[in-house]
Amino acid sequence: MKKFFLLLFICIFLASCQQSKDHDTTLDSNKKSEVAFSPDMEMGLTLKEAIEIAQKEALQWNKEAMLYSGNSVDKDTTPTGMEGRRKYWSIEFGIPNKKDYYLVTIQNGKVLDKVHVSNELNAMPKSHFISSVEEFKYDTPELLKRAQKITKIYPGDTFAKGYNFSFTKDSQKNIPIVMVIGWDQSKENMIYLLFNAETGELEEEFEREQYKN
């Protein structure tokens, strides 16, 4: 299970730390949703708050859309996430037994971009998806506090700045997993803590050497 979550995280999270995708070729590109926030407000969201916004957009695209995975995006100029909130999020959706992929990116409390790719995912059963945000009984602010009680975890200051967060579905255990990500004190190893989002219990903890700060 460790290898599965680590590979998933590296493929999604590290890519989002290093680059921003150009979505100009999609029909949904550069369309912003009508969300009641001031356009100049810097709005940090918890994971659940980001999912709620993204899910509304995904269901407008397709009523069968379900949560697949997502993560905070490392685009801030200074470390953030200290309270379990981030300004930038990337939330991914799919449709059971189909290959459709729908990506919603969020910035400062509102939808920044929406992208649909029709042949991106492997066709997977419903058990590989998360049905709704209600499955997340524990959110990132409280899970970050739990992580800090479990081990010494530090915010990044150059790469993967601050504390970062990711989520996916453990289809074998049939539970949503939230990952809290930080660094060791030397800033040489990234620390990953995987929590059961329904119970708040720690499922797994490990470290991996990454790009040095």
N, C-alpha and C. Protein backbone atom coordinates (compact mmCIF):
# COMPACT_ATOMS: atom_id res chain seq x y z
N MET A 1 0.83 -1.20 0.00
CA MET A 1 0.00 0.00 0.00
C MET A 1 0.87 1.25 0.00
N LYS A 2 2.01 1.19 0.69
CA LYS A 2 2.91 2.34 0.74
C LYS A 2 3.35 2.76 -0.65
N LYS A 3 3.74 1.80 -1.47
CA LYS A 3 4.21 2.12 -2.81
C LYS A 3 3.10 2.74 -3.65
N PHE A 4 1.87 2.23 -3.48
CA PHE A 4 0.75 2.76 -4.24
C PHE A 4 0.52 4.23 -3.94
N PHE A 5 0.43 4.57 -2.66
CA PHE A 5 0.15 5.95 -2.29
C PHE A 5 1.33 6.86 -2.62
N LEU A 6 2.55 6.37 -2.45
CA LEU A 6 3.71 7.18 -2.74
C LEU A 6 3.80 7.50 -4.22
N LEU A 7 3.59 6.51 -5.07
CA LEU A 7 3.64 6.74 -6.51
C LEU A 7 2.53 7.68 -6.95
N LEU A 8 1.33 7.51 -6.38
CA LEU A 8 0.22 8.38 -6.71
C LEU A 8 0.54 9.81 -6.32
N PHE A 9 1.08 9.98 -5.13
CA PHE A 9 1.42 11.32 -4.65
C PHE A 9 2.49 11.97 -5.51
N ILE A 10 3.56 11.23 -5.83
CA ILE A 10 4.65 11.79 -6.63
C ILE A 10 4.16 12.19 -8.01
N CYS A 11 3.32 11.36 -8.61
CA CYS A 11 2.81 11.66 -9.95
C CYS A 11 1.96 12.92 -9.98
N ILE A 12 1.19 13.14 -8.92
CA ILE A 12 0.25 14.26 -8.90
C ILE A 12 0.82 15.47 -8.19
N PHE A 13 1.27 15.27 -6.96
CA PHE A 13 1.69 16.41 -6.14
C PHE A 13 2.98 17.05 -6.63
N LEU A 14 4.03 16.26 -6.87
CA LEU A 14 5.30 16.84 -7.29
C LEU A 14 5.18 17.52 -8.64
N ALA A 15 4.37 16.95 -9.51
CA ALA A 15 4.16 17.60 -10.81
C ALA A 15 3.52 18.97 -10.64
N SER A 16 2.58 19.07 -9.72
CA SER A 16 1.90 20.34 -9.49
C SER A 16 2.82 21.34 -8.80
N CYS A 17 3.80 20.86 -8.06
CA CYS A 17 4.76 21.76 -7.43
C CYS A 17 5.68 22.41 -8.45
N GLN A 18 5.98 21.71 -9.52
CA GLN A 18 7.01 22.15 -10.46
C GLN A 18 6.49 22.87 -11.67
N GLN A 19 5.23 22.67 -12.03
CA GLN A 19 4.74 23.30 -13.26
C GLN A 19 3.25 23.51 -13.21
N SER A 20 2.76 24.43 -14.05
CA SER A 20 1.32 24.66 -14.22
C SER A 20 0.95 24.26 -15.63
N LYS A 21 -0.15 23.54 -15.76
CA LYS A 21 -0.55 23.07 -17.08
C LYS A 21 -1.24 24.18 -17.85
N ASP A 22 -1.06 24.15 -19.17
CA ASP A 22 -1.74 25.07 -20.06
C ASP A 22 -2.99 24.38 -20.58
N HIS A 23 -4.16 24.91 -20.25
CA HIS A 23 -5.41 24.26 -20.63
C HIS A 23 -6.14 25.01 -21.76
N ASP A 24 -5.43 25.79 -22.57
CA ASP A 24 -6.08 26.61 -23.57
C ASP A 24 -6.79 25.81 -24.65
N THR A 25 -6.44 24.52 -24.80
CA THR A 25 -7.02 23.72 -25.87
C THR A 25 -8.36 23.11 -25.49
N THR A 26 -8.80 23.28 -24.26
CA THR A 26 -10.06 22.67 -23.84
C THR A 26 -11.20 23.67 -23.92
N LEU A 27 -12.40 23.14 -24.07
CA LEU A 27 -13.57 24.01 -24.17
C LEU A 27 -13.86 24.73 -22.87
N ASP A 28 -13.51 24.10 -21.76
CA ASP A 28 -13.80 24.68 -20.45
C ASP A 28 -12.72 25.63 -19.98
N SER A 29 -11.64 25.77 -20.71
CA SER A 29 -10.47 26.51 -20.24
C SER A 29 -10.79 27.96 -19.95
N ASN A 30 -10.17 28.44 -18.84
CA ASN A 30 -10.21 29.85 -18.47
C ASN A 30 -11.61 30.36 -18.14
N LYS A 31 -12.54 29.46 -17.81
CA LYS A 31 -13.86 29.88 -17.36
C LYS A 31 -13.88 29.83 -15.84
N LYS A 32 -14.35 30.90 -15.21
CA LYS A 32 -14.40 30.96 -13.76
C LYS A 32 -15.84 30.84 -13.29
N SER A 33 -16.04 30.15 -12.18
CA SER A 33 -17.39 29.96 -11.66
C SER A 33 -17.84 31.18 -10.88
N GLU A 34 -19.15 31.25 -10.69
CA GLU A 34 -19.72 32.34 -9.91
C GLU A 34 -19.71 31.94 -8.44
N VAL A 35 -18.67 32.30 -7.72
CA VAL A 35 -18.55 32.00 -6.31
C VAL A 35 -18.50 33.31 -5.55
N ALA A 36 -19.22 33.37 -4.43
CA ALA A 36 -19.40 34.63 -3.72
C ALA A 36 -18.18 35.01 -2.89
N PHE A 37 -17.05 35.27 -3.55
CA PHE A 37 -15.86 35.78 -2.88
C PHE A 37 -15.37 37.00 -3.65
N SER A 38 -14.82 37.94 -2.94
CA SER A 38 -14.23 39.10 -3.60
C SER A 38 -13.09 38.64 -4.49
N PRO A 39 -12.98 39.13 -5.74
CA PRO A 39 -11.96 38.64 -6.67
C PRO A 39 -10.54 38.91 -6.22
N ASP A 40 -10.33 39.90 -5.35
CA ASP A 40 -8.98 40.21 -4.91
C ASP A 40 -8.68 39.59 -3.54
N MET A 41 -9.59 38.77 -3.03
CA MET A 41 -9.40 38.16 -1.72
C MET A 41 -8.53 36.91 -1.84
N GLU A 42 -7.54 36.77 -0.98
CA GLU A 42 -6.73 35.56 -0.93
C GLU A 42 -7.39 34.61 0.06
N MET A 43 -8.03 33.59 -0.46
CA MET A 43 -8.86 32.72 0.35
C MET A 43 -8.20 31.35 0.50
N GLY A 44 -7.77 31.03 1.70
CA GLY A 44 -7.25 29.70 1.97
C GLY A 44 -8.39 28.76 2.33
N LEU A 45 -8.41 27.58 1.73
CA LEU A 45 -9.47 26.61 1.95
C LEU A 45 -8.93 25.35 2.59
N THR A 46 -9.75 24.70 3.40
CA THR A 46 -9.43 23.35 3.86
C THR A 46 -9.68 22.39 2.70
N LEU A 47 -9.25 21.16 2.87
CA LEU A 47 -9.48 20.15 1.84
C LEU A 47 -10.97 19.99 1.56
N LYS A 48 -11.78 19.86 2.60
CA LYS A 48 -13.21 19.65 2.41
C LYS A 48 -13.86 20.85 1.71
N GLU A 49 -13.45 22.05 2.06
CA GLU A 49 -14.01 23.24 1.42
C GLU A 49 -13.66 23.27 -0.06
N ALA A 50 -12.43 22.89 -0.38
CA ALA A 50 -12.02 22.86 -1.79
C ALA A 50 -12.80 21.79 -2.56
N ILE A 51 -13.00 20.63 -1.95
CA ILE A 51 -13.75 19.56 -2.60
C ILE A 51 -15.20 19.99 -2.86
N GLU A 52 -15.81 20.66 -1.90
CA GLU A 52 -17.19 21.09 -2.05
C GLU A 52 -17.36 22.00 -3.26
N ILE A 53 -16.43 22.93 -3.43
CA ILE A 53 -16.49 23.84 -4.58
C ILE A 53 -16.27 23.07 -5.88
N ALA A 54 -15.25 22.21 -5.88
CA ALA A 54 -14.92 21.48 -7.10
C ALA A 54 -16.02 20.50 -7.49
N GLN A 55 -16.64 19.87 -6.49
CA GLN A 55 -17.65 18.86 -6.78
C GLN A 55 -18.88 19.48 -7.45
N LYS A 56 -19.24 20.67 -7.07
CA LYS A 56 -20.37 21.35 -7.71
C LYS A 56 -20.09 21.55 -9.20
N GLU A 57 -18.86 21.93 -9.52
CA GLU A 57 -18.48 22.10 -10.92
C GLU A 57 -18.50 20.78 -11.67
N ALA A 58 -17.98 19.73 -11.03
CA ALA A 58 -17.91 18.43 -11.68
C ALA A 58 -19.31 17.87 -11.97
N LEU A 59 -20.24 18.06 -11.05
CA LEU A 59 -21.60 17.55 -11.25
C LEU A 59 -22.34 18.32 -12.32
N GLN A 60 -21.97 19.56 -12.56
CA GLN A 60 -22.53 20.31 -13.68
C GLN A 60 -22.02 19.74 -14.99
N TRP A 61 -20.77 19.28 -14.97
CA TRP A 61 -20.20 18.65 -16.16
C TRP A 61 -20.88 17.31 -16.43
N ASN A 62 -20.99 16.47 -15.39
CA ASN A 62 -21.62 15.16 -15.54
C ASN A 62 -22.18 14.74 -14.19
N LYS A 63 -23.45 14.42 -14.14
CA LYS A 63 -24.09 14.08 -12.87
C LYS A 63 -23.56 12.77 -12.28
N GLU A 64 -22.82 11.98 -13.07
CA GLU A 64 -22.24 10.73 -12.58
C GLU A 64 -20.80 10.91 -12.10
N ALA A 65 -20.28 12.13 -12.16
CA ALA A 65 -18.89 12.38 -11.77
C ALA A 65 -18.67 12.06 -10.30
N MET A 66 -17.53 11.43 -10.01
CA MET A 66 -17.18 11.09 -8.63
C MET A 66 -15.73 11.48 -8.36
N LEU A 67 -15.45 11.77 -7.10
CA LEU A 67 -14.10 12.14 -6.68
C LEU A 67 -13.12 11.01 -6.91
N TYR A 68 -11.95 11.37 -7.46
CA TYR A 68 -10.90 10.37 -7.68
C TYR A 68 -9.70 10.65 -6.79
N SER A 69 -9.15 11.85 -6.87
CA SER A 69 -8.01 12.22 -6.03
C SER A 69 -7.84 13.73 -6.09
N GLY A 70 -6.89 14.24 -5.32
CA GLY A 70 -6.64 15.68 -5.35
C GLY A 70 -5.51 16.05 -4.41
N ASN A 71 -5.04 17.29 -4.54
CA ASN A 71 -3.93 17.75 -3.71
C ASN A 71 -3.84 19.27 -3.70
N SER A 72 -3.18 19.79 -2.67
CA SER A 72 -2.83 21.20 -2.67
C SER A 72 -1.71 21.41 -3.67
N VAL A 73 -1.62 22.63 -4.19
CA VAL A 73 -0.65 22.94 -5.24
C VAL A 73 0.34 23.96 -4.72
N ASP A 74 1.61 23.70 -4.93
CA ASP A 74 2.69 24.52 -4.37
C ASP A 74 3.00 25.72 -5.26
N LYS A 75 2.09 26.70 -5.28
CA LYS A 75 2.30 27.90 -6.10
C LYS A 75 2.48 29.15 -5.26
N ASP A 76 2.44 29.01 -3.94
CA ASP A 76 2.62 30.18 -3.07
C ASP A 76 4.09 30.59 -3.06
N THR A 77 4.32 31.88 -2.90
CA THR A 77 5.69 32.38 -2.84
C THR A 77 6.30 32.21 -1.46
N THR A 78 5.47 32.04 -0.46
CA THR A 78 5.95 31.83 0.90
C THR A 78 5.28 30.58 1.47
N PRO A 79 5.87 29.95 2.49
CA PRO A 79 5.26 28.76 3.09
C PRO A 79 3.85 29.04 3.62
N THR A 80 2.97 28.10 3.41
CA THR A 80 1.59 28.23 3.87
C THR A 80 1.09 26.86 4.28
N GLY A 81 -0.19 26.77 4.61
CA GLY A 81 -0.75 25.50 5.05
C GLY A 81 -0.59 25.25 6.53
N MET A 82 -0.12 26.27 7.27
CA MET A 82 0.16 26.08 8.70
C MET A 82 -1.09 25.78 9.51
N GLU A 83 -2.24 26.20 9.01
CA GLU A 83 -3.51 25.95 9.71
C GLU A 83 -4.36 24.92 8.96
N GLY A 84 -3.73 24.19 8.04
CA GLY A 84 -4.48 23.19 7.28
C GLY A 84 -5.25 23.77 6.11
N ARG A 85 -4.90 24.99 5.71
CA ARG A 85 -5.56 25.66 4.59
C ARG A 85 -4.55 26.02 3.51
N ARG A 86 -4.98 25.92 2.26
CA ARG A 86 -4.14 26.29 1.13
C ARG A 86 -4.96 27.12 0.14
N LYS A 87 -4.27 27.99 -0.60
CA LYS A 87 -4.95 28.83 -1.60
C LYS A 87 -5.15 28.11 -2.93
N TYR A 88 -4.28 27.16 -3.22
CA TYR A 88 -4.32 26.49 -4.52
C TYR A 88 -4.61 25.00 -4.34
N TRP A 89 -5.60 24.50 -5.08
CA TRP A 89 -5.97 23.09 -5.01
C TRP A 89 -6.22 22.54 -6.41
N SER A 90 -5.97 21.26 -6.57
CA SER A 90 -6.25 20.56 -7.82
C SER A 90 -7.07 19.32 -7.46
N ILE A 91 -8.32 19.25 -7.93
CA ILE A 91 -9.24 18.17 -7.56
C ILE A 91 -9.63 17.41 -8.83
N GLU A 92 -9.48 16.07 -8.78
CA GLU A 92 -9.70 15.23 -9.95
C GLU A 92 -10.95 14.36 -9.80
N PHE A 93 -11.67 14.21 -10.91
CA PHE A 93 -12.90 13.43 -10.94
C PHE A 93 -12.87 12.43 -12.09
N GLY A 94 -13.68 11.41 -11.96
CA GLY A 94 -13.86 10.44 -13.03
C GLY A 94 -15.28 9.92 -12.99
N ILE A 95 -15.57 9.01 -13.90
CA ILE A 95 -16.88 8.37 -13.97
C ILE A 95 -16.67 6.87 -13.90
N PRO A 96 -17.34 6.17 -12.98
CA PRO A 96 -17.14 4.72 -12.88
C PRO A 96 -17.32 4.01 -14.22
N ASN A 97 -16.37 3.12 -14.51
CA ASN A 97 -16.38 2.28 -15.71
C ASN A 97 -16.20 3.06 -17.01
N LYS A 98 -15.75 4.31 -16.90
CA LYS A 98 -15.45 5.10 -18.08
C LYS A 98 -14.05 5.71 -17.94
N LYS A 99 -13.52 6.24 -19.03
CA LYS A 99 -12.15 6.76 -19.04
C LYS A 99 -12.09 8.28 -18.93
N ASP A 100 -13.23 8.91 -18.70
CA ASP A 100 -13.26 10.37 -18.61
C ASP A 100 -12.53 10.87 -17.38
N TYR A 101 -11.83 11.99 -17.57
CA TYR A 101 -11.07 12.64 -16.49
C TYR A 101 -11.48 14.10 -16.47
N TYR A 102 -11.78 14.61 -15.29
CA TYR A 102 -12.20 16.00 -15.16
C TYR A 102 -11.40 16.64 -14.04
N LEU A 103 -10.68 17.69 -14.35
CA LEU A 103 -9.82 18.37 -13.39
C LEU A 103 -10.36 19.76 -13.09
N VAL A 104 -10.51 20.05 -11.80
CA VAL A 104 -10.94 21.38 -11.36
C VAL A 104 -9.81 21.97 -10.53
N THR A 105 -9.32 23.13 -10.94
CA THR A 105 -8.29 23.83 -10.17
C THR A 105 -8.93 25.03 -9.47
N ILE A 106 -8.51 25.22 -8.23
CA ILE A 106 -9.10 26.26 -7.38
C ILE A 106 -8.01 27.20 -6.90
N GLN A 107 -8.33 28.48 -6.90
CA GLN A 107 -7.40 29.50 -6.40
C GLN A 107 -8.19 30.54 -5.63
N ASN A 108 -7.75 30.81 -4.41
CA ASN A 108 -8.35 31.87 -3.59
C ASN A 108 -9.87 31.72 -3.46
N GLY A 109 -10.32 30.50 -3.21
CA GLY A 109 -11.73 30.29 -2.90
C GLY A 109 -12.66 30.19 -4.07
N LYS A 110 -12.15 30.14 -5.30
CA LYS A 110 -13.03 30.02 -6.45
C LYS A 110 -12.38 29.17 -7.53
N VAL A 111 -13.20 28.70 -8.45
CA VAL A 111 -12.70 27.85 -9.53
C VAL A 111 -11.89 28.70 -10.50
N LEU A 112 -10.68 28.28 -10.74
CA LEU A 112 -9.81 28.98 -11.69
C LEU A 112 -9.93 28.37 -13.08
N ASP A 113 -10.02 27.02 -13.15
CA ASP A 113 -10.01 26.36 -14.44
C ASP A 113 -10.69 25.00 -14.35
N LYS A 114 -11.18 24.51 -15.47
CA LYS A 114 -11.83 23.20 -15.56
C LYS A 114 -11.38 22.54 -16.86
N VAL A 115 -10.99 21.28 -16.76
CA VAL A 115 -10.48 20.58 -17.94
C VAL A 115 -11.09 19.19 -18.02
N HIS A 116 -11.60 18.84 -19.18
CA HIS A 116 -12.13 17.50 -19.43
C HIS A 116 -11.28 16.79 -20.47
N VAL A 117 -10.79 15.61 -20.11
CA VAL A 117 -10.05 14.76 -21.06
C VAL A 117 -10.80 13.44 -21.13
N SER A 118 -11.16 13.02 -22.33
CA SER A 118 -12.08 11.89 -22.48
C SER A 118 -11.42 10.52 -22.39
N ASN A 119 -10.11 10.43 -22.46
CA ASN A 119 -9.47 9.12 -22.48
C ASN A 119 -8.22 9.12 -21.60
N GLU A 120 -8.35 9.62 -20.39
CA GLU A 120 -7.19 9.81 -19.51
C GLU A 120 -7.05 8.71 -18.46
N LEU A 121 -8.15 8.31 -17.84
CA LEU A 121 -8.10 7.33 -16.77
C LEU A 121 -8.34 5.91 -17.30
N ASN A 122 -7.88 4.94 -16.54
CA ASN A 122 -8.31 3.57 -16.80
C ASN A 122 -9.76 3.42 -16.34
N ALA A 123 -10.53 2.66 -17.06
CA ALA A 123 -11.91 2.41 -16.64
C ALA A 123 -11.90 1.63 -15.33
N MET A 124 -12.51 2.21 -14.29
CA MET A 124 -12.47 1.62 -12.96
C MET A 124 -13.87 1.50 -12.37
N PRO A 125 -14.10 0.53 -11.51
CA PRO A 125 -15.43 0.39 -10.88
C PRO A 125 -15.68 1.50 -9.87
N LYS A 126 -16.91 1.59 -9.43
CA LYS A 126 -17.31 2.63 -8.49
C LYS A 126 -16.52 2.58 -7.19
N SER A 127 -16.06 1.39 -6.82
CA SER A 127 -15.33 1.22 -5.56
C SER A 127 -14.01 1.97 -5.52
N HIS A 128 -13.52 2.42 -6.67
CA HIS A 128 -12.25 3.16 -6.73
C HIS A 128 -12.46 4.67 -6.55
N PHE A 129 -13.71 5.10 -6.43
CA PHE A 129 -14.00 6.51 -6.33
C PHE A 129 -14.63 6.84 -4.97
N ILE A 130 -14.59 8.12 -4.63
CA ILE A 130 -15.21 8.64 -3.41
C ILE A 130 -16.52 9.29 -3.81
N SER A 131 -17.60 8.90 -3.17
CA SER A 131 -18.92 9.35 -3.62
C SER A 131 -19.17 10.82 -3.35
N SER A 132 -18.75 11.33 -2.20
CA SER A 132 -19.03 12.73 -1.87
C SER A 132 -18.12 13.22 -0.75
N VAL A 133 -18.16 14.51 -0.53
CA VAL A 133 -17.34 15.12 0.51
C VAL A 133 -17.78 14.66 1.90
N GLU A 134 -19.01 14.16 2.02
CA GLU A 134 -19.51 13.70 3.32
C GLU A 134 -18.71 12.52 3.87
N GLU A 135 -17.97 11.84 3.02
CA GLU A 135 -17.14 10.73 3.48
C GLU A 135 -15.94 11.22 4.30
N PHE A 136 -15.61 12.49 4.17
CA PHE A 136 -14.48 13.05 4.91
C PHE A 136 -14.99 13.58 6.25
N LYS A 137 -14.91 12.77 7.27
CA LYS A 137 -15.35 13.18 8.60
C LYS A 137 -14.31 14.06 9.28
N TYR A 138 -13.05 13.93 8.84
CA TYR A 138 -11.96 14.73 9.40
C TYR A 138 -11.33 15.55 8.28
N ASP A 139 -11.07 16.81 8.59
CA ASP A 139 -10.54 17.75 7.60
C ASP A 139 -9.07 18.06 7.89
N THR A 140 -8.44 18.77 6.98
CA THR A 140 -7.00 19.02 7.07
C THR A 140 -6.54 19.80 8.30
N PRO A 141 -7.28 20.77 8.82
CA PRO A 141 -6.79 21.44 10.03
C PRO A 141 -6.60 20.49 11.20
N GLU A 142 -7.56 19.63 11.46
CA GLU A 142 -7.45 18.70 12.58
C GLU A 142 -6.47 17.57 12.29
N LEU A 143 -6.37 17.14 11.05
CA LEU A 143 -5.42 16.08 10.71
C LEU A 143 -3.98 16.58 10.77
N LEU A 144 -3.75 17.84 10.43
CA LEU A 144 -2.41 18.41 10.59
C LEU A 144 -2.01 18.43 12.06
N LYS A 145 -2.95 18.80 12.93
CA LYS A 145 -2.66 18.80 14.37
C LYS A 145 -2.34 17.39 14.86
N ARG A 146 -3.06 16.41 14.35
CA ARG A 146 -2.78 15.02 14.74
C ARG A 146 -1.40 14.60 14.26
N ALA A 147 -1.05 15.01 13.04
CA ALA A 147 0.26 14.67 12.50
C ALA A 147 1.37 15.26 13.36
N GLN A 148 1.18 16.50 13.81
CA GLN A 148 2.19 17.17 14.62
C GLN A 148 2.34 16.54 16.00
N LYS A 149 1.29 15.88 16.48
CA LYS A 149 1.37 15.18 17.75
C LYS A 149 2.04 13.81 17.59
N ILE A 150 1.90 13.23 16.41
CA ILE A 150 2.45 11.90 16.17
C ILE A 150 3.96 11.94 15.95
N THR A 151 4.43 12.94 15.20
CA THR A 151 5.85 13.00 14.86
C THR A 151 6.29 14.45 14.70
N LYS A 152 7.58 14.68 14.65
CA LYS A 152 8.11 16.01 14.40
C LYS A 152 8.09 16.25 12.89
N ILE A 153 7.23 17.15 12.48
CA ILE A 153 7.05 17.44 11.07
C ILE A 153 7.17 18.95 10.86
N TYR A 154 7.95 19.34 9.86
CA TYR A 154 8.27 20.74 9.65
C TYR A 154 7.78 21.21 8.28
N PRO A 155 7.44 22.50 8.16
CA PRO A 155 7.02 23.02 6.85
C PRO A 155 8.21 23.22 5.92
N GLY A 156 8.00 22.98 4.65
CA GLY A 156 9.04 23.25 3.67
C GLY A 156 9.18 24.75 3.43
N ASP A 157 10.37 25.18 2.98
CA ASP A 157 10.56 26.62 2.77
C ASP A 157 11.02 26.98 1.36
N THR A 158 11.34 26.00 0.52
CA THR A 158 11.74 26.29 -0.86
C THR A 158 10.93 25.44 -1.84
N PHE A 159 11.00 24.14 -1.67
CA PHE A 159 10.22 23.22 -2.50
C PHE A 159 9.16 22.56 -1.61
N ALA A 160 7.95 22.37 -2.18
CA ALA A 160 6.83 21.87 -1.37
C ALA A 160 6.71 22.70 -0.11
N LYS A 161 6.53 23.99 -0.30
CA LYS A 161 6.57 24.96 0.79
C LYS A 161 5.41 24.75 1.76
N GLY A 162 5.69 25.03 3.02
CA GLY A 162 4.67 24.90 4.05
C GLY A 162 4.30 23.45 4.27
N TYR A 163 3.03 23.23 4.61
CA TYR A 163 2.48 21.88 4.71
C TYR A 163 1.55 21.65 3.53
N ASN A 164 1.61 20.46 2.97
CA ASN A 164 0.77 20.13 1.83
C ASN A 164 -0.14 18.95 2.16
N PHE A 165 -1.18 18.79 1.32
CA PHE A 165 -2.21 17.80 1.59
C PHE A 165 -2.65 17.13 0.29
N SER A 166 -3.02 15.87 0.42
CA SER A 166 -3.47 15.09 -0.74
C SER A 166 -4.54 14.11 -0.28
N PHE A 167 -5.36 13.63 -1.21
CA PHE A 167 -6.34 12.61 -0.85
C PHE A 167 -6.56 11.64 -2.01
N THR A 168 -7.00 10.44 -1.67
CA THR A 168 -7.37 9.44 -2.65
C THR A 168 -8.25 8.40 -1.96
N LYS A 169 -8.60 7.35 -2.67
CA LYS A 169 -9.43 6.28 -2.13
C LYS A 169 -8.60 5.01 -1.99
N ASP A 170 -8.66 4.39 -0.82
CA ASP A 170 -8.09 3.06 -0.64
C ASP A 170 -9.22 2.08 -0.97
N SER A 171 -9.20 1.56 -2.18
CA SER A 171 -10.30 0.70 -2.63
C SER A 171 -10.32 -0.64 -1.90
N GLN A 172 -9.18 -1.10 -1.42
CA GLN A 172 -9.13 -2.37 -0.70
C GLN A 172 -9.82 -2.27 0.65
N LYS A 173 -9.57 -1.16 1.36
CA LYS A 173 -10.21 -0.95 2.66
C LYS A 173 -11.53 -0.18 2.54
N ASN A 174 -11.79 0.34 1.34
CA ASN A 174 -13.00 1.10 1.08
C ASN A 174 -13.11 2.34 1.97
N ILE A 175 -12.02 3.08 2.05
CA ILE A 175 -12.00 4.30 2.85
C ILE A 175 -11.28 5.42 2.10
N PRO A 176 -11.69 6.67 2.33
CA PRO A 176 -10.93 7.80 1.79
C PRO A 176 -9.70 8.04 2.65
N ILE A 177 -8.60 8.36 2.00
CA ILE A 177 -7.34 8.61 2.69
C ILE A 177 -6.91 10.06 2.48
N VAL A 178 -6.54 10.73 3.55
CA VAL A 178 -5.98 12.08 3.47
C VAL A 178 -4.52 12.01 3.88
N MET A 179 -3.66 12.58 3.07
CA MET A 179 -2.24 12.58 3.35
C MET A 179 -1.79 13.98 3.80
N VAL A 180 -1.07 14.03 4.89
CA VAL A 180 -0.45 15.27 5.37
C VAL A 180 1.04 15.17 5.07
N ILE A 181 1.59 16.19 4.43
CA ILE A 181 2.98 16.13 3.96
C ILE A 181 3.78 17.30 4.52
N GLY A 182 4.92 16.97 5.09
CA GLY A 182 5.86 17.98 5.57
C GLY A 182 7.28 17.47 5.41
N TRP A 183 8.19 18.00 6.20
CA TRP A 183 9.60 17.67 6.09
C TRP A 183 10.18 17.29 7.46
N ASP A 184 11.32 16.61 7.42
CA ASP A 184 12.07 16.44 8.65
C ASP A 184 12.84 17.73 8.93
N GLN A 185 13.50 17.80 10.07
CA GLN A 185 14.15 19.05 10.46
C GLN A 185 15.28 19.44 9.52
N SER A 186 15.96 18.45 8.92
CA SER A 186 17.07 18.74 8.02
C SER A 186 16.61 19.21 6.65
N LYS A 187 15.33 19.07 6.35
CA LYS A 187 14.74 19.40 5.05
C LYS A 187 15.33 18.54 3.93
N GLU A 188 15.73 17.33 4.28
CA GLU A 188 16.23 16.38 3.28
C GLU A 188 15.21 15.31 2.95
N ASN A 189 14.33 15.02 3.88
CA ASN A 189 13.33 13.97 3.68
C ASN A 189 11.93 14.52 3.87
N MET A 190 11.04 14.13 2.97
CA MET A 190 9.64 14.50 3.13
C MET A 190 8.96 13.44 3.97
N ILE A 191 8.08 13.89 4.86
CA ILE A 191 7.35 13.00 5.76
C ILE A 191 5.89 12.92 5.29
N TYR A 192 5.40 11.70 5.17
CA TYR A 192 4.05 11.45 4.70
C TYR A 192 3.26 10.74 5.80
N LEU A 193 2.14 11.30 6.18
CA LEU A 193 1.25 10.65 7.14
C LEU A 193 -0.10 10.45 6.47
N LEU A 194 -0.54 9.19 6.41
CA LEU A 194 -1.79 8.83 5.75
C LEU A 194 -2.85 8.55 6.81
N PHE A 195 -3.95 9.32 6.74
CA PHE A 195 -5.02 9.20 7.72
C PHE A 195 -6.30 8.66 7.09
N ASN A 196 -7.01 7.85 7.85
CA ASN A 196 -8.35 7.44 7.49
C ASN A 196 -9.26 8.66 7.68
N ALA A 197 -9.84 9.15 6.59
CA ALA A 197 -10.64 10.38 6.67
C ALA A 197 -11.97 10.17 7.37
N GLU A 198 -12.38 8.92 7.57
CA GLU A 198 -13.64 8.65 8.27
C GLU A 198 -13.46 8.59 9.78
N THR A 199 -12.31 8.06 10.22
CA THR A 199 -12.09 7.88 11.66
C THR A 199 -11.03 8.82 12.22
N GLY A 200 -10.21 9.41 11.37
CA GLY A 200 -9.11 10.25 11.82
C GLY A 200 -7.91 9.48 12.29
N GLU A 201 -7.94 8.16 12.16
CA GLU A 201 -6.83 7.31 12.63
C GLU A 201 -5.70 7.27 11.60
N LEU A 202 -4.47 7.19 12.11
CA LEU A 202 -3.30 7.08 11.25
C LEU A 202 -3.25 5.69 10.63
N GLU A 203 -3.16 5.63 9.31
CA GLU A 203 -3.04 4.37 8.59
C GLU A 203 -1.59 4.00 8.32
N GLU A 204 -0.77 5.01 8.05
CA GLU A 204 0.61 4.74 7.68
C GLU A 204 1.44 6.02 7.78
N GLU A 205 2.73 5.85 8.06
CA GLU A 205 3.66 6.98 8.12
C GLU A 205 4.99 6.53 7.52
N PHE A 206 5.57 7.35 6.67
CA PHE A 206 6.88 7.02 6.12
C PHE A 206 7.59 8.28 5.65
N GLU A 207 8.89 8.16 5.41
CA GLU A 207 9.71 9.25 4.90
C GLU A 207 10.35 8.85 3.59
N ARG A 208 10.67 9.86 2.78
CA ARG A 208 11.35 9.60 1.52
C ARG A 208 12.21 10.81 1.19
N GLU A 209 13.44 10.54 0.77
CA GLU A 209 14.33 11.63 0.38
C GLU A 209 13.80 12.27 -0.89
N GLN A 210 13.72 13.60 -0.87
CA GLN A 210 13.20 14.33 -2.00
C GLN A 210 14.16 15.43 -2.39
N TYR A 211 13.68 16.33 -3.28
CA TYR A 211 14.48 17.48 -3.63
C TYR A 211 14.76 18.29 -2.37
N LYS A 212 16.02 18.65 -2.18
CA LYS A 212 16.39 19.37 -0.96
C LYS A 212 15.98 20.82 -1.03
N ASN A 213 15.55 21.35 0.12
CA ASN A 213 15.22 22.77 0.21
C ASN A 213 16.49 23.61 0.17
